[in-house]
């Protein structure tokens, strides 16, 4: 006897996967895809509800493989500076903030360090803000600028010593310039900014998640879970279902006692709610090229980026092996070639059984010579990359900070090798790294194809040989991302048995032009067949 379906979704085009086949109907029961077929076949199906999207296109729900939505979204304060084109505009944006009775701080985020040009970043440009404390996070997420009032309020002296490689940058007289590098230094100031109330945090996060769902996203891989966020997630689910699935991974602190830290992150595994789950562990091997804290095999042109954030990388290798033996997935931030080589070696050194138990991926991968790419392909590692890092913050003339620090070979030849990795047979998952770059996957997919910002037609191309096809880019946000998080038996395709997580677009991401898809409307998304119209 044929089982009655909960719902049938119809559209002129249904992409079951990013590479085929196509259909016109999906039958859903108990939150999972039960049948896939044509409109004629669906007419014979017994269903409680039928939704016909007409000429729209249904795809698997999109998965952002790298996001910081919960940690950043729950405490969104200040202004988004990503649209500012010079330092004066940054100051005007900061001063435009309304007064906050709970905090004296002026705050900003996604500040492009390229606005300093060839000058060393410092806080002098913030002098028009007067005596109000100012804290601005750079777009790279690993550095920030604090004005003199903020430094005084936070008690930053420049004499701080950190367990991991972080620093308060000082001038020739030993006075802080306002530039803070890496988490331990940033926390000196962020810890002095009053947090939002629990109710405001929950409201801020929920608004962000709904905004993300409205772009076609159905799953986020969150790579900096803060245990303080657990209460926020639980509180949100008390009032209803989250609009996306959240896979949350805590960060392994490189400055902590390695055995105690291993116990901490292992004990967090499996905690969750209806649509969120703590799974996997994130490692951070280096910082960023732009601020000189990456780990390169040879120093950058300023003499920086010569070491890991870990004082002893042997501890990193030990922790990765221990987690792999327990079947716990890992994601390792590795931007510089030395960091990538270390991460590749750690994964290559796993036994086949360990690699089979859980996926192990490497994040960012910004500069890599040919021999390292070959080793990457042999290692079994998954690549997780963010196309807009290379279209928004790297310039076609390579006069940006990232390119200047690397020099021509490491930047223009070895940089951002998306297509080379795909062609080498590596699974390449894509994501945004929000709030480092915008979260809308339509724009990320378009940039990955165009090799320029999709909304700047007059801008030249960066790394044109690394352009992805539409199928590759959509694969990066569906099946490849699902593999990266170890959920490829649940999401990433609309094959029978998978969760009925889908996105409905007015246009077709696989057939229309990149710019057109970037602007196409999202009609609806569904989580487990539960429809959310946008």
Protein backbone atom coordinates (compact mmCIF):
# COMPACT_ATOMS: atom_id res chain seq x y z
CA UNK A 1 0.00 0.00 0.00
CA UNK A 2 1.39 3.42 -0.99
CA UNK A 3 2.09 5.71 1.96
CA UNK A 4 0.41 9.10 2.01
CA UNK A 5 2.88 11.93 1.68
CA UNK A 6 2.84 15.04 3.87
CA UNK A 7 3.57 17.37 0.96
CA UNK A 8 4.46 17.50 -2.71
CA UNK A 9 6.50 20.41 -4.08
CA UNK A 10 6.26 21.11 -7.81
CA UNK A 11 8.36 23.35 -10.07
CA UNK A 12 9.28 23.42 -13.74
CA UNK A 13 12.86 22.54 -12.74
CA UNK A 14 14.00 20.55 -9.73
CA UNK A 15 17.76 20.00 -9.45
CA UNK A 16 18.10 16.86 -7.40
CA UNK A 17 21.87 17.47 -7.33
CA UNK A 18 24.11 20.15 -8.82
CA UNK A 19 25.12 17.85 -11.69
CA UNK A 20 21.80 16.13 -12.46
CA UNK A 21 19.33 14.57 -12.72
CA UNK A 22 16.46 17.06 -12.92
CA UNK A 23 12.83 16.49 -12.06
CA UNK A 24 9.64 18.48 -11.50
CA UNK A 25 8.27 17.08 -8.27
CA UNK A 26 9.40 16.11 -4.79
CA UNK A 27 7.29 14.07 -2.40
CA UNK A 28 7.96 14.53 1.33
CA UNK A 29 7.07 12.35 4.30
CA UNK A 30 8.26 12.73 7.90
CA UNK A 31 10.67 15.48 6.93
CA UNK A 32 12.51 13.48 4.27
CA UNK A 33 12.36 13.20 0.50
CA UNK A 34 10.26 10.17 -0.31
CA UNK A 35 9.88 10.46 -4.09
CA UNK A 36 11.27 12.44 -7.02
CA UNK A 37 9.52 12.52 -10.36
CA UNK A 38 7.71 14.43 -13.09
CA UNK A 39 4.53 16.47 -12.81
CA UNK A 40 2.61 13.64 -14.45
CA UNK A 41 3.96 11.13 -11.95
CA UNK A 42 3.20 13.46 -9.06
CA UNK A 43 -0.43 13.68 -10.16
CA UNK A 44 -0.75 10.07 -9.02
CA UNK A 45 0.81 10.63 -5.61
CA UNK A 46 -1.40 10.79 -2.53
CA UNK A 47 -0.45 13.88 -0.51
CA UNK A 48 -2.01 16.05 2.17
CA UNK A 49 -0.65 19.24 0.63
CA UNK A 50 0.57 20.23 -2.85
CA UNK A 51 2.56 23.42 -3.47
CA UNK A 52 3.23 24.40 -7.09
CA UNK A 53 5.99 26.95 -7.62
CA UNK A 54 5.34 27.14 -11.36
CA UNK A 55 8.32 28.32 -13.40
CA UNK A 56 10.66 28.57 -10.39
CA UNK A 57 13.65 26.30 -9.75
CA UNK A 58 14.03 24.06 -6.72
CA UNK A 59 17.54 23.13 -5.57
CA UNK A 60 18.92 21.39 -2.51
CA UNK A 61 19.05 23.87 0.34
CA UNK A 62 22.32 25.80 0.31
CA UNK A 63 24.93 25.15 3.02
CA UNK A 64 27.39 27.81 4.15
CA UNK A 65 30.46 25.77 5.08
CA UNK A 66 32.07 28.58 7.11
CA UNK A 67 30.11 31.11 9.14
CA UNK A 68 30.29 32.92 12.47
CA UNK A 69 26.58 33.72 12.64
CA UNK A 70 25.92 32.82 16.26
CA UNK A 71 28.96 34.43 17.89
CA UNK A 72 28.80 37.59 15.77
CA UNK A 73 25.06 37.68 15.19
CA UNK A 74 24.03 37.47 18.84
CA UNK A 75 26.02 40.60 19.69
CA UNK A 76 25.63 42.68 16.56
CA UNK A 77 26.35 46.22 17.62
CA UNK A 78 27.68 49.15 15.69
CA UNK A 79 27.92 49.55 11.94
CA UNK A 80 28.92 47.42 8.98
CA UNK A 81 31.95 49.17 7.46
CA UNK A 82 32.33 46.91 4.45
CA UNK A 83 30.93 49.55 2.11
CA UNK A 84 33.28 52.34 3.20
CA UNK A 85 35.74 53.47 0.55
CA UNK A 86 38.12 55.64 2.63
CA UNK A 87 39.04 56.35 6.24
CA UNK A 88 36.94 59.53 6.44
CA UNK A 89 33.89 57.50 5.44
CA UNK A 90 34.67 55.02 8.21
CA UNK A 91 34.71 57.83 10.77
CA UNK A 92 31.44 59.26 9.45
CA UNK A 93 29.81 55.84 9.68
CA UNK A 94 31.02 55.38 13.26
CA UNK A 95 29.80 58.81 14.35
CA UNK A 96 26.39 58.20 12.75
CA UNK A 97 25.57 55.53 15.32
CA UNK A 98 22.72 56.41 17.65
CA UNK A 99 23.57 56.73 21.33
CA UNK A 100 23.39 53.46 23.25
CA UNK A 101 22.35 53.97 26.86
CA UNK A 102 23.93 50.62 27.77
CA UNK A 103 27.36 51.28 26.24
CA UNK A 104 29.58 54.30 25.51
CA UNK A 105 31.43 52.47 22.72
CA UNK A 106 31.38 53.28 19.03
CA UNK A 107 31.70 49.94 17.26
CA UNK A 108 32.26 48.80 13.69
CA UNK A 109 33.03 45.61 11.83
CA UNK A 110 34.18 44.37 8.40
CA UNK A 111 36.63 47.27 8.04
CA UNK A 112 38.81 46.74 4.95
CA UNK A 113 42.50 47.14 5.95
CA UNK A 114 43.28 48.13 2.37
CA UNK A 115 41.87 51.56 3.24
CA UNK A 116 45.21 52.32 4.91
CA UNK A 117 46.96 51.96 1.56
CA UNK A 118 50.67 51.37 2.07
CA UNK A 119 50.65 52.94 5.56
CA UNK A 120 50.84 50.83 8.72
CA UNK A 121 47.40 50.68 10.37
CA UNK A 122 47.02 52.71 13.57
CA UNK A 123 44.33 54.65 15.41
CA UNK A 124 45.19 58.23 14.42
CA UNK A 125 42.36 58.39 11.89
CA UNK A 126 39.89 57.89 14.77
CA UNK A 127 40.82 61.19 16.50
CA UNK A 128 37.61 62.92 15.22
CA UNK A 129 35.65 60.50 17.43
CA UNK A 130 36.90 62.44 20.45
CA UNK A 131 36.76 60.91 23.91
CA UNK A 132 34.26 58.17 23.10
CA UNK A 133 35.92 54.73 23.07
CA UNK A 134 36.04 53.18 19.59
CA UNK A 135 36.63 49.54 18.64
CA UNK A 136 36.69 48.53 14.98
CA UNK A 137 37.08 44.93 13.84
CA UNK A 138 38.98 44.39 10.58
CA UNK A 139 37.41 42.42 7.76
CA UNK A 140 39.93 39.60 8.26
CA UNK A 141 38.39 38.85 11.67
CA UNK A 142 41.85 38.56 13.21
CA UNK A 143 42.70 42.19 13.95
CA UNK A 144 41.17 45.42 15.14
CA UNK A 145 41.79 49.11 15.80
CA UNK A 146 41.06 50.79 19.13
CA UNK A 147 41.32 54.53 19.74
CA UNK A 148 43.19 56.07 22.66
CA UNK A 149 40.04 56.34 24.79
CA UNK A 150 39.26 52.68 24.19
CA UNK A 151 42.79 51.62 25.11
CA UNK A 152 42.56 53.56 28.37
CA UNK A 153 39.15 52.13 29.24
CA UNK A 154 40.32 48.58 28.53
CA UNK A 155 43.59 49.09 30.43
CA UNK A 156 45.75 48.07 27.45
CA UNK A 157 49.38 49.02 28.01
CA UNK A 158 51.34 47.19 25.32
CA UNK A 159 53.17 45.15 27.93
CA UNK A 160 50.74 42.23 27.82
CA UNK A 161 52.09 38.70 27.37
CA UNK A 162 49.92 36.06 25.67
CA UNK A 163 49.87 32.26 25.79
CA UNK A 164 49.35 32.15 22.01
CA UNK A 165 50.93 34.33 19.32
CA UNK A 166 48.88 37.52 19.68
CA UNK A 167 50.13 41.07 20.08
CA UNK A 168 49.36 44.66 20.99
CA UNK A 169 51.32 46.60 18.37
CA UNK A 170 53.42 49.43 19.80
CA UNK A 171 55.34 52.34 18.31
CA UNK A 172 59.06 53.05 18.75
CA UNK A 173 58.41 54.48 22.22
CA UNK A 174 56.59 51.36 23.37
CA UNK A 175 53.16 52.98 23.27
CA UNK A 176 50.18 51.06 21.76
CA UNK A 177 49.28 52.25 18.26
CA UNK A 178 45.75 50.89 18.57
CA UNK A 179 46.35 47.88 16.33
CA UNK A 180 45.54 44.54 17.98
CA UNK A 181 46.49 41.24 16.33
CA UNK A 182 44.71 37.93 16.97
CA UNK A 183 42.10 36.78 19.49
CA UNK A 184 43.99 37.04 22.75
CA UNK A 185 44.80 40.70 22.10
CA UNK A 186 41.35 41.50 20.73
CA UNK A 187 39.71 40.01 23.82
CA UNK A 188 41.42 42.65 25.98
CA UNK A 189 38.99 45.14 24.46
CA UNK A 190 36.01 43.04 23.40
CA UNK A 191 35.72 41.81 26.98
CA UNK A 192 35.19 45.42 28.11
CA UNK A 193 32.33 46.12 25.70
CA UNK A 194 29.04 45.55 27.56
CA UNK A 195 27.17 42.64 25.97
CA UNK A 196 23.59 42.88 24.85
CA UNK A 197 20.99 41.55 27.24
CA UNK A 198 20.05 37.87 26.75
CA UNK A 199 16.74 38.95 25.23
CA UNK A 200 18.43 41.35 22.82
CA UNK A 201 21.01 38.71 21.87
CA UNK A 202 18.27 36.23 21.01
CA UNK A 203 16.35 38.80 18.97
CA UNK A 204 19.48 39.89 17.12
CA UNK A 205 20.46 36.33 16.26
CA UNK A 206 16.97 35.32 15.16
CA UNK A 207 16.71 38.33 12.84
CA UNK A 208 20.07 37.44 11.31
CA UNK A 209 19.13 33.79 10.79
CA UNK A 210 15.89 34.76 9.07
CA UNK A 211 17.85 37.11 6.83
CA UNK A 212 20.22 34.27 5.96
CA UNK A 213 17.37 31.87 5.23
CA UNK A 214 15.90 34.47 2.87
CA UNK A 215 18.98 34.07 0.63
CA UNK A 216 18.48 30.32 0.09
CA UNK A 217 20.56 29.02 2.99
CA UNK A 218 19.22 26.08 4.98
CA UNK A 219 22.33 24.97 6.92
CA UNK A 220 25.25 26.81 8.50
CA UNK A 221 28.56 25.36 9.65
CA UNK A 222 29.51 27.59 12.58
CA UNK A 223 33.20 27.50 13.39
CA UNK A 224 33.63 29.47 16.59
CA UNK A 225 30.99 28.24 19.01
CA UNK A 226 31.15 30.11 22.30
CA UNK A 227 29.65 28.10 25.19
CA UNK A 228 27.83 31.29 26.24
CA UNK A 229 25.82 30.95 23.03
CA UNK A 230 24.20 27.71 24.18
CA UNK A 231 21.67 29.57 26.30
CA UNK A 232 20.78 31.83 23.38
CA UNK A 233 20.15 28.88 21.06
CA UNK A 234 18.09 27.05 23.67
CA UNK A 235 16.03 30.17 24.36
CA UNK A 236 15.28 30.64 20.66
CA UNK A 237 14.02 27.08 20.29
CA UNK A 238 11.70 27.54 23.24
CA UNK A 239 9.72 30.00 21.13
CA UNK A 240 9.81 28.10 17.82
CA UNK A 241 11.95 26.34 15.26
CA UNK A 242 15.11 27.96 13.94
CA UNK A 243 14.89 28.91 10.24
CA UNK A 244 18.10 26.98 9.45
CA UNK A 245 20.04 23.98 10.71
CA UNK A 246 23.15 24.92 12.67
CA UNK A 247 26.20 22.68 13.03
CA UNK A 248 28.33 24.29 15.73
CA UNK A 249 32.02 23.57 16.37
CA UNK A 250 34.02 24.88 19.34
CA UNK A 251 37.52 26.29 18.82
CA UNK A 252 40.48 24.44 20.31
CA UNK A 253 42.39 27.14 22.21
CA UNK A 254 46.06 27.03 21.07
CA UNK A 255 47.18 28.68 24.29
CA UNK A 256 45.46 26.25 26.68
CA UNK A 257 46.78 23.09 28.29
CA UNK A 258 46.34 20.65 25.44
CA UNK A 259 45.02 17.70 27.47
CA UNK A 260 42.49 19.81 29.38
CA UNK A 261 41.37 21.51 26.19
CA UNK A 262 40.88 18.15 24.49
CA UNK A 263 38.60 17.06 27.33
CA UNK A 264 36.62 20.30 27.09
CA UNK A 265 35.89 20.09 23.36
CA UNK A 266 35.14 16.36 23.47
CA UNK A 267 32.64 16.84 26.30
CA UNK A 268 30.73 19.40 24.22
CA UNK A 269 30.10 16.99 21.35
CA UNK A 270 26.48 15.98 20.83
CA UNK A 271 24.87 18.80 22.80
CA UNK A 272 22.05 20.31 20.76
CA UNK A 273 18.41 21.04 20.12
CA UNK A 274 15.91 20.38 17.38
CA UNK A 275 17.85 22.21 14.68
CA UNK A 276 21.28 22.83 16.20
CA UNK A 277 24.03 20.44 17.16
CA UNK A 278 27.57 20.72 18.51
CA UNK A 279 29.75 18.58 16.28
CA UNK A 280 33.40 18.76 15.27
CA UNK A 281 36.27 20.95 16.47
CA UNK A 282 37.96 23.92 14.85
CA UNK A 283 41.71 24.53 15.01
CA UNK A 284 43.46 27.79 14.09
CA UNK A 285 47.03 27.27 12.91
CA UNK A 286 47.75 30.82 11.78
CA UNK A 287 46.29 34.28 11.40
CA UNK A 288 45.98 36.23 8.16
CA UNK A 289 48.34 37.39 5.45
CA UNK A 290 46.96 40.94 5.50
CA UNK A 291 47.99 41.59 9.11
CA UNK A 292 51.25 39.63 9.02
CA UNK A 293 50.16 36.76 11.28
CA UNK A 294 49.88 33.97 8.71
CA UNK A 295 52.37 31.08 8.79
CA UNK A 296 54.44 31.15 5.62
CA UNK A 297 57.35 28.98 4.59
CA UNK A 298 59.30 32.16 3.85
CA UNK A 299 58.64 35.55 5.52
CA UNK A 300 56.40 38.00 3.72
CA UNK A 301 57.86 41.11 2.12
CA UNK A 302 57.62 42.93 5.47
CA UNK A 303 59.49 40.14 7.28
CA UNK A 304 56.27 38.95 9.00
CA UNK A 305 54.11 35.79 8.96
CA UNK A 306 56.88 33.47 10.15
CA UNK A 307 55.20 31.36 12.84
CA UNK A 308 52.14 29.41 13.84
CA UNK A 309 49.70 30.71 16.44
CA UNK A 310 50.64 27.53 18.30
CA UNK A 311 53.85 27.84 20.28
CA UNK A 312 54.32 24.09 19.74
CA UNK A 313 52.66 22.68 16.58
CA UNK A 314 53.37 19.17 17.90
CA UNK A 315 50.46 19.76 20.26
CA UNK A 316 48.23 20.50 17.27
CA UNK A 317 49.16 17.21 15.62
CA UNK A 318 48.56 15.29 18.83
CA UNK A 319 45.11 16.84 19.35
CA UNK A 320 44.03 16.20 15.75
CA UNK A 321 45.05 12.55 16.02
CA UNK A 322 43.19 12.13 19.32
CA UNK A 323 40.01 13.60 17.84
CA UNK A 324 40.31 11.52 14.67
CA UNK A 325 40.63 8.37 16.77
CA UNK A 326 37.40 9.32 18.55
CA UNK A 327 35.59 9.89 15.25
CA UNK A 328 35.32 13.65 15.77
CA UNK A 329 35.57 15.85 12.69
CA UNK A 330 38.08 18.69 12.49
CA UNK A 331 38.30 21.94 10.56
CA UNK A 332 41.70 23.65 10.54
CA UNK A 333 42.20 27.30 9.67
CA UNK A 334 45.35 27.34 7.54
CA UNK A 335 45.99 30.37 5.31
CA UNK A 336 49.75 30.41 4.71
CA UNK A 337 51.62 27.66 2.86
CA UNK A 338 53.45 26.49 6.01
CA UNK A 339 50.15 26.21 7.90
CA UNK A 340 48.51 24.36 5.01
CA UNK A 341 51.43 21.94 4.83
CA UNK A 342 51.14 21.25 8.56
CA UNK A 343 47.38 20.62 8.29
CA UNK A 344 47.79 18.41 5.21
CA UNK A 345 50.47 16.36 6.98
CA UNK A 346 48.23 15.87 10.01
CA UNK A 347 45.39 14.54 7.86
CA UNK A 348 47.66 12.47 5.62
CA UNK A 349 49.08 10.87 8.75
CA UNK A 350 45.71 9.53 9.84
CA UNK A 351 44.87 5.90 9.27
CA UNK A 352 42.24 5.15 6.61
CA UNK A 353 39.90 4.09 9.41
CA UNK A 354 40.32 7.43 11.16
CA UNK A 355 39.58 9.38 7.98
CA UNK A 356 36.54 7.18 7.40
CA UNK A 357 35.03 7.93 10.81
CA UNK A 358 34.66 11.70 10.26
CA UNK A 359 35.59 14.34 7.68
CA UNK A 360 38.67 16.50 8.17
CA UNK A 361 38.91 19.76 6.32
CA UNK A 362 41.22 22.71 5.87
CA UNK A 363 39.86 26.26 5.89
CA UNK A 364 40.82 29.22 3.66
CA UNK A 365 43.95 27.87 1.83
CA UNK A 366 45.11 31.20 0.38
CA UNK A 367 48.57 30.47 -1.04
CA UNK A 368 49.92 27.07 -2.02
CA UNK A 369 52.72 25.94 -4.38
CA UNK A 370 52.27 23.05 -6.82
CA UNK A 371 53.93 20.38 -4.69
CA UNK A 372 51.67 21.24 -1.75
CA UNK A 373 48.58 21.12 -3.96
CA UNK A 374 49.60 17.61 -5.02
CA UNK A 375 50.09 16.59 -1.40
CA UNK A 376 46.71 18.08 -0.53
CA UNK A 377 45.01 16.01 -3.22
CA UNK A 378 46.68 12.81 -1.96
CA UNK A 379 45.91 13.45 1.72
CA UNK A 380 42.15 12.95 1.68
CA UNK A 381 41.60 16.42 3.14
CA UNK A 382 38.54 18.45 2.17
CA UNK A 383 39.04 22.09 1.15
CA UNK A 384 36.74 24.78 2.55
CA UNK A 385 37.18 28.13 0.81
CA UNK A 386 35.52 31.53 0.54
CA UNK A 387 35.47 33.03 -2.98
CA UNK A 388 34.65 36.59 -1.93
CA UNK A 389 37.87 36.84 0.09
CA UNK A 390 39.64 36.88 -3.25
CA UNK A 391 37.23 39.21 -5.08
CA UNK A 392 36.51 41.83 -2.41
CA UNK A 393 39.90 42.17 -0.71
CA UNK A 394 42.36 41.33 -3.50
CA UNK A 395 42.64 43.86 -6.32
CA UNK A 396 43.21 43.14 -10.01
CA UNK A 397 46.41 45.25 -9.99
CA UNK A 398 47.65 43.37 -6.89
CA UNK A 399 48.38 46.60 -5.04
CA UNK A 400 46.27 45.44 -2.11
CA UNK A 401 47.84 44.55 1.24
CA UNK A 402 47.47 40.77 0.73
CA UNK A 403 49.29 40.86 -2.62
CA UNK A 404 51.99 43.28 -1.51
CA UNK A 405 52.88 41.12 1.46
CA UNK A 406 53.08 37.90 -0.56
CA UNK A 407 54.89 39.18 -3.65
CA UNK A 408 54.05 38.16 -7.22
CA UNK A 409 54.67 34.39 -7.15
CA UNK A 410 52.94 33.53 -3.89
CA UNK A 411 50.05 35.87 -4.73
CA UNK A 412 49.43 35.65 -8.46
CA UNK A 413 50.65 32.09 -9.16
CA UNK A 414 49.96 30.27 -5.90
CA UNK A 415 46.97 32.24 -4.63
CA UNK A 416 43.38 31.05 -4.10
CA UNK A 417 43.54 27.85 -6.16
CA UNK A 418 39.84 26.99 -6.23
CA UNK A 419 39.74 25.50 -9.71
CA UNK A 420 43.10 23.76 -9.41
CA UNK A 421 41.87 21.92 -6.32
CA UNK A 422 38.60 20.90 -7.99
CA UNK A 423 40.48 19.70 -11.07
CA UNK A 424 42.81 17.69 -8.80
CA UNK A 425 39.80 15.80 -7.46
CA UNK A 426 39.59 17.55 -4.08
CA UNK A 427 36.16 18.16 -2.55
CA UNK A 428 35.89 21.97 -2.35
CA UNK A 429 33.18 23.32 -0.06
CA UNK A 430 32.27 27.01 -0.29
CA UNK A 431 31.13 29.54 2.27
CA UNK A 432 31.11 33.19 3.23
CA UNK A 433 33.02 33.48 6.53
CA UNK A 434 30.42 36.07 7.57
CA UNK A 435 30.93 38.69 8.98
CA UNK A 436 34.27 38.80 7.15
CA UNK A 437 32.30 38.96 3.88
CA UNK A 438 28.58 39.12 2.97
CA UNK A 439 26.64 35.93 3.66
CA UNK A 440 24.39 35.90 0.58
CA UNK A 441 25.32 32.69 -1.29
CA UNK A 442 23.97 34.03 -4.57
CA UNK A 443 26.70 36.67 -4.56
CA UNK A 444 29.38 34.21 -3.47
CA UNK A 445 28.44 31.76 -6.22
CA UNK A 446 28.43 34.58 -8.78
CA UNK A 447 31.85 35.86 -7.68
CA UNK A 448 33.29 32.32 -7.84
CA UNK A 449 32.21 32.14 -11.48
CA UNK A 450 33.10 35.70 -12.53
CA UNK A 451 36.34 36.17 -10.54
CA UNK A 452 35.27 39.71 -9.69
CA UNK A 453 32.59 41.30 -7.49
CA UNK A 454 29.31 40.49 -9.20
CA UNK A 455 28.01 44.03 -8.68
CA UNK A 456 31.10 45.80 -10.10
CA UNK A 457 31.04 45.13 -13.81
CA UNK A 458 33.83 47.63 -14.46
CA UNK A 459 36.31 45.92 -12.12
CA UNK A 460 39.00 43.66 -13.53
CA UNK A 461 39.41 39.98 -12.70
CA UNK A 462 41.43 38.39 -9.93
CA UNK A 463 42.79 34.87 -10.48
CA UNK A 464 40.78 34.32 -13.70
CA UNK A 465 42.21 30.80 -14.14
CA UNK A 466 40.53 29.81 -10.88
CA UNK A 467 36.98 30.52 -12.09
CA UNK A 468 34.45 27.81 -11.24
CA UNK A 469 31.62 26.70 -13.48
CA UNK A 470 28.04 27.13 -12.29
CA UNK A 471 27.89 23.41 -11.49
CA UNK A 472 31.12 23.55 -9.46
CA UNK A 473 30.00 26.59 -7.50
CA UNK A 474 26.56 25.18 -6.68
CA UNK A 475 28.21 21.87 -5.80
CA UNK A 476 30.38 23.80 -3.34
CA UNK A 477 27.26 25.04 -1.57
CA UNK A 478 25.40 21.72 -1.63
CA UNK A 479 26.95 18.25 -1.89
CA UNK A 480 30.56 19.32 -1.25
CA UNK A 481 29.56 21.38 1.79
CA UNK A 482 27.51 18.46 3.09
CA UNK A 483 30.57 16.20 2.79
CA UNK A 484 32.70 18.80 4.58
CA UNK A 485 30.42 18.73 7.64
CA UNK A 486 29.83 14.98 7.52
CA UNK A 487 26.14 15.32 6.73
CA UNK A 488 26.19 14.05 3.15
CA UNK A 489 23.80 11.25 4.15
CA UNK A 490 21.29 13.89 5.29
CA UNK A 491 21.57 17.08 3.23
CA UNK A 492 23.21 18.42 0.08
CA UNK A 493 20.98 16.64 -2.44
CA UNK A 494 17.25 15.96 -2.87
CA UNK A 495 17.68 12.24 -3.35
CA UNK A 496 15.15 10.00 -1.60
CA UNK A 497 16.01 9.49 2.06
CA UNK A 498 17.66 12.89 2.50
CA UNK A 499 16.08 15.65 4.58
CA UNK A 500 13.64 17.70 2.54
CA UNK A 501 15.82 20.82 2.88
CA UNK A 502 15.41 22.88 -0.25
CA UNK A 503 15.59 26.35 -1.77
CA UNK A 504 13.21 27.78 -4.35
CA UNK A 505 14.67 30.38 -6.70
CA UNK A 506 12.90 32.51 -9.28
CA UNK A 507 15.81 31.82 -11.65
CA UNK A 508 17.99 28.77 -12.26
CA UNK A 509 21.48 28.90 -10.70
CA UNK A 510 22.78 26.34 -13.18
CA UNK A 511 21.58 27.94 -16.41
CA UNK A 512 21.36 31.71 -15.98
CA UNK A 513 24.26 34.12 -15.98
CA UNK A 514 26.21 34.78 -12.80
CA UNK A 515 25.08 38.40 -12.42
CA UNK A 516 21.46 37.40 -13.05
CA UNK A 517 21.58 34.68 -10.42
CA UNK A 518 23.12 37.07 -7.88
CA UNK A 519 19.95 39.14 -8.17
CA UNK A 520 17.38 36.39 -8.55
CA UNK A 521 14.63 36.22 -5.96
CA UNK A 522 14.38 33.52 -3.32
CA UNK A 523 10.77 32.40 -3.24
CA UNK A 524 10.99 30.00 -0.30
CA UNK A 525 13.14 27.58 1.66
CA UNK A 526 12.16 24.43 3.49
CA UNK A 527 13.70 22.58 6.42
CA UNK A 528 12.51 19.00 6.62
CA UNK A 529 9.65 19.90 4.31
CA UNK A 530 8.49 22.74 6.57
CA UNK A 531 8.07 25.67 4.18
CA UNK A 532 9.27 29.20 4.89
CA UNK A 533 8.24 31.76 2.27
CA UNK A 534 10.42 34.82 1.70
